[in-house]
Protein backbone atom coordinates (compact mmCIF):
# COMPACT_ATOMS: atom_id res chain seq x y z
CA UNK A 1 106.05 105.97 84.34
CA UNK A 2 104.34 103.05 86.07
CA UNK A 3 101.80 105.39 87.68
CA UNK A 4 100.86 106.82 84.28
CA UNK A 5 100.50 103.29 82.93
CA UNK A 6 98.27 102.35 85.88
CA UNK A 7 96.17 105.44 85.27
CA UNK A 8 95.76 104.62 81.57
CA UNK A 9 95.10 100.93 82.30
CA UNK A 10 92.09 101.78 84.46
CA UNK A 11 90.94 105.09 82.95
CA UNK A 12 90.30 103.63 79.49
CA UNK A 13 88.06 100.81 80.77
CA UNK A 14 86.30 103.38 82.95
CA UNK A 15 85.43 105.40 79.87
CA UNK A 16 84.57 102.52 77.56
CA UNK A 17 83.02 100.09 80.05
CA UNK A 18 79.38 101.07 79.74
CA UNK A 19 77.40 99.54 82.58
CA UNK A 20 80.05 99.59 85.29
CA UNK A 21 82.30 96.87 86.66
CA UNK A 22 81.07 93.73 84.86
CA UNK A 23 81.20 95.48 81.49
CA UNK A 24 84.72 96.76 82.07
CA UNK A 25 86.26 93.45 83.25
CA UNK A 26 87.36 92.32 79.75
CA UNK A 27 88.79 95.78 79.12
CA UNK A 28 90.76 95.73 82.37
CA UNK A 29 91.98 92.23 81.58
CA UNK A 30 93.22 93.38 78.18
CA UNK A 31 95.15 96.26 79.74
CA UNK A 32 96.57 94.36 82.72
CA UNK A 33 97.38 91.05 81.02
CA UNK A 34 97.91 91.75 77.32
CA UNK A 35 99.06 95.34 77.11
CA UNK A 36 101.19 95.85 80.23
CA UNK A 37 101.83 92.24 81.28
CA UNK A 38 101.49 92.85 85.00
CA UNK A 39 99.61 89.56 85.51
CA UNK A 40 98.93 86.27 83.83
CA UNK A 41 95.43 85.21 82.87
CA UNK A 42 95.40 82.85 85.89
CA UNK A 43 96.41 85.61 88.29
CA UNK A 44 93.82 87.96 86.82
CA UNK A 45 91.09 85.33 87.21
CA UNK A 46 92.06 84.93 90.87
CA UNK A 47 91.87 88.71 91.38
CA UNK A 48 88.47 88.71 89.67
CA UNK A 49 87.25 85.90 91.94
CA UNK A 50 88.47 87.79 95.00
CA UNK A 51 86.82 91.02 93.81
CA UNK A 52 83.53 89.19 93.24
CA UNK A 53 83.59 87.69 96.72
CA UNK A 54 83.87 91.07 98.48
CA UNK A 55 81.11 93.66 98.77
CA UNK A 56 81.24 96.78 96.66
CA UNK A 57 82.01 97.66 93.05
CA UNK A 58 84.13 95.08 91.24
CA UNK A 59 86.16 97.54 89.17
CA UNK A 60 87.41 99.59 92.12
CA UNK A 61 88.37 96.50 94.12
CA UNK A 62 90.29 95.11 91.18
CA UNK A 63 91.95 98.46 90.56
CA UNK A 64 93.00 98.74 94.18
CA UNK A 65 94.46 95.25 94.30
CA UNK A 66 96.24 95.42 90.95
CA UNK A 67 97.53 98.93 91.61
CA UNK A 68 98.88 97.84 94.99
CA UNK A 69 100.43 94.74 93.48
CA UNK A 70 102.19 96.79 90.79
CA UNK A 71 103.22 99.95 92.68
CA UNK A 72 102.20 99.81 96.34
CA UNK A 73 99.81 102.16 98.12
CA UNK A 74 100.33 105.03 95.68
CA UNK A 75 99.70 102.66 92.78
CA UNK A 76 96.45 101.52 94.39
CA UNK A 77 95.40 105.14 94.87
CA UNK A 78 96.17 106.05 91.26
CA UNK A 79 94.33 102.97 89.95
CA UNK A 80 91.21 103.53 92.03
CA UNK A 81 91.14 107.22 91.09
CA UNK A 82 91.53 106.34 87.40
CA UNK A 83 88.62 103.89 87.71
CA UNK A 84 86.22 106.45 89.20
CA UNK A 85 87.53 109.53 87.33
CA UNK A 86 85.35 109.13 84.19
CA UNK A 87 82.19 108.83 86.29
CA UNK A 88 83.29 111.68 88.53
CA UNK A 89 83.91 114.00 85.58
CA UNK A 90 80.57 113.09 84.01
CA UNK A 91 78.66 113.60 87.25
CA UNK A 92 80.30 116.98 87.84
CA UNK A 93 79.47 118.05 84.29
CA UNK A 94 75.84 116.94 84.64
CA UNK A 95 75.53 118.63 88.02
CA UNK A 96 76.93 121.80 86.47
CA UNK A 97 74.26 121.69 83.80
CA UNK A 98 71.56 120.94 86.36
CA UNK A 99 72.79 123.77 88.59
CA UNK A 100 72.72 126.18 85.64
CA UNK A 101 69.07 125.35 84.97
CA UNK A 102 67.94 124.84 88.58
CA UNK A 103 65.39 127.65 88.35
CA UNK A 104 63.86 126.27 85.17
CA UNK A 105 60.22 125.19 85.60
CA UNK A 106 60.98 121.91 83.81
CA UNK A 107 63.81 121.04 86.22
CA UNK A 108 61.67 121.96 89.23
CA UNK A 109 58.84 119.80 87.91
CA UNK A 110 61.27 116.93 87.29
CA UNK A 111 62.53 117.04 90.89
CA UNK A 112 58.95 117.14 92.16
CA UNK A 113 58.21 113.96 90.21
CA UNK A 114 61.34 112.21 91.45
CA UNK A 115 60.84 112.86 95.18
CA UNK A 116 57.84 110.53 95.66
CA UNK A 117 59.58 107.77 93.72
CA UNK A 118 62.64 108.02 95.97
CA UNK A 119 60.40 107.98 99.03
CA UNK A 120 58.62 104.85 97.83
CA UNK A 121 61.89 103.11 97.01
CA UNK A 122 63.26 103.91 100.46
CA UNK A 123 60.05 102.67 102.05
CA UNK A 124 60.19 99.40 100.10
CA UNK A 125 63.83 98.96 101.08
CA UNK A 126 63.02 99.58 104.76
CA UNK A 127 60.13 97.10 104.60
CA UNK A 128 62.38 94.47 103.01
CA UNK A 129 65.01 94.99 105.71
CA UNK A 130 62.34 94.70 108.41
CA UNK A 131 60.87 91.56 106.85
CA UNK A 132 64.27 89.88 106.51
CA UNK A 133 65.28 90.73 110.07
CA UNK A 134 61.92 89.50 111.36
CA UNK A 135 62.45 86.19 109.59
CA UNK A 136 66.12 85.98 110.58
CA UNK A 137 66.08 86.95 114.27
CA UNK A 138 62.44 86.96 115.29
CA UNK A 139 59.86 89.52 116.32
CA UNK A 140 61.22 90.55 119.72
CA UNK A 141 64.80 91.14 118.60
CA UNK A 142 63.56 93.12 115.60
CA UNK A 143 61.24 95.16 117.81
CA UNK A 144 64.02 95.89 120.31
CA UNK A 145 66.36 97.08 117.55
CA UNK A 146 63.63 99.17 115.88
CA UNK A 147 62.50 100.87 119.09
CA UNK A 148 66.05 101.46 120.31
CA UNK A 149 67.05 102.89 116.93
CA UNK A 150 64.06 105.22 116.85
CA UNK A 151 64.68 106.38 120.42
CA UNK A 152 68.40 106.95 119.87
CA UNK A 153 68.11 108.78 116.54
CA UNK A 154 64.92 110.77 117.02
CA UNK A 155 64.83 111.48 120.72
CA UNK A 156 68.50 111.54 121.70
CA UNK A 157 69.80 112.75 118.29
CA UNK A 158 72.54 110.10 118.09
CA UNK A 159 74.19 109.92 114.68
CA UNK A 160 72.89 106.99 112.58
CA UNK A 161 76.42 105.61 112.14
CA UNK A 162 76.67 105.04 115.88
CA UNK A 163 73.23 103.43 115.96
CA UNK A 164 74.24 101.07 113.14
CA UNK A 165 77.50 100.24 114.93
CA UNK A 166 75.56 99.57 118.13
CA UNK A 167 73.12 97.29 116.29
CA UNK A 168 76.05 95.39 114.78
CA UNK A 169 77.61 94.94 118.21
CA UNK A 170 74.26 93.88 119.66
CA UNK A 171 73.78 91.35 116.87
CA UNK A 172 77.35 90.10 117.06
CA UNK A 173 77.51 89.55 120.80
CA UNK A 174 73.98 88.90 121.94
CA UNK A 175 72.38 87.01 119.07
């Protein structure tokens, strides 16, 4: 019964919380504090502060913590799934519609218009990362990381995850 209650407590805010985590916080608080009484307002505010201090979506972090607090690892799994289930269902439905009309000239034209925008956004993001690293660690360290990353990924075909891990180790130990 507690797993069903956890599912309901996080599924309803997932459906009604338009805009993601910040919009669903009052809804989660209502379910967790008022409806089911798993936490006090003080405890919920501490969980919210913890969730805000960590990277990633607020709603899933809160769901994981509260679910674990109420029913252990399985409770955390149920809560996180309930939080992402509405978005997952909607995305699958929209992808189904898009897949059905993938040969439509309008859909093909739409994807042609979107590709340059995505390329520009990725380029701006890369430039911002480069600029911040240049300011933070200097030209030579940035150049070493950029050249080594290019060489490893393009010439030696090393997976980007390993290159990122190597850059983190390099930055953690040598800088």
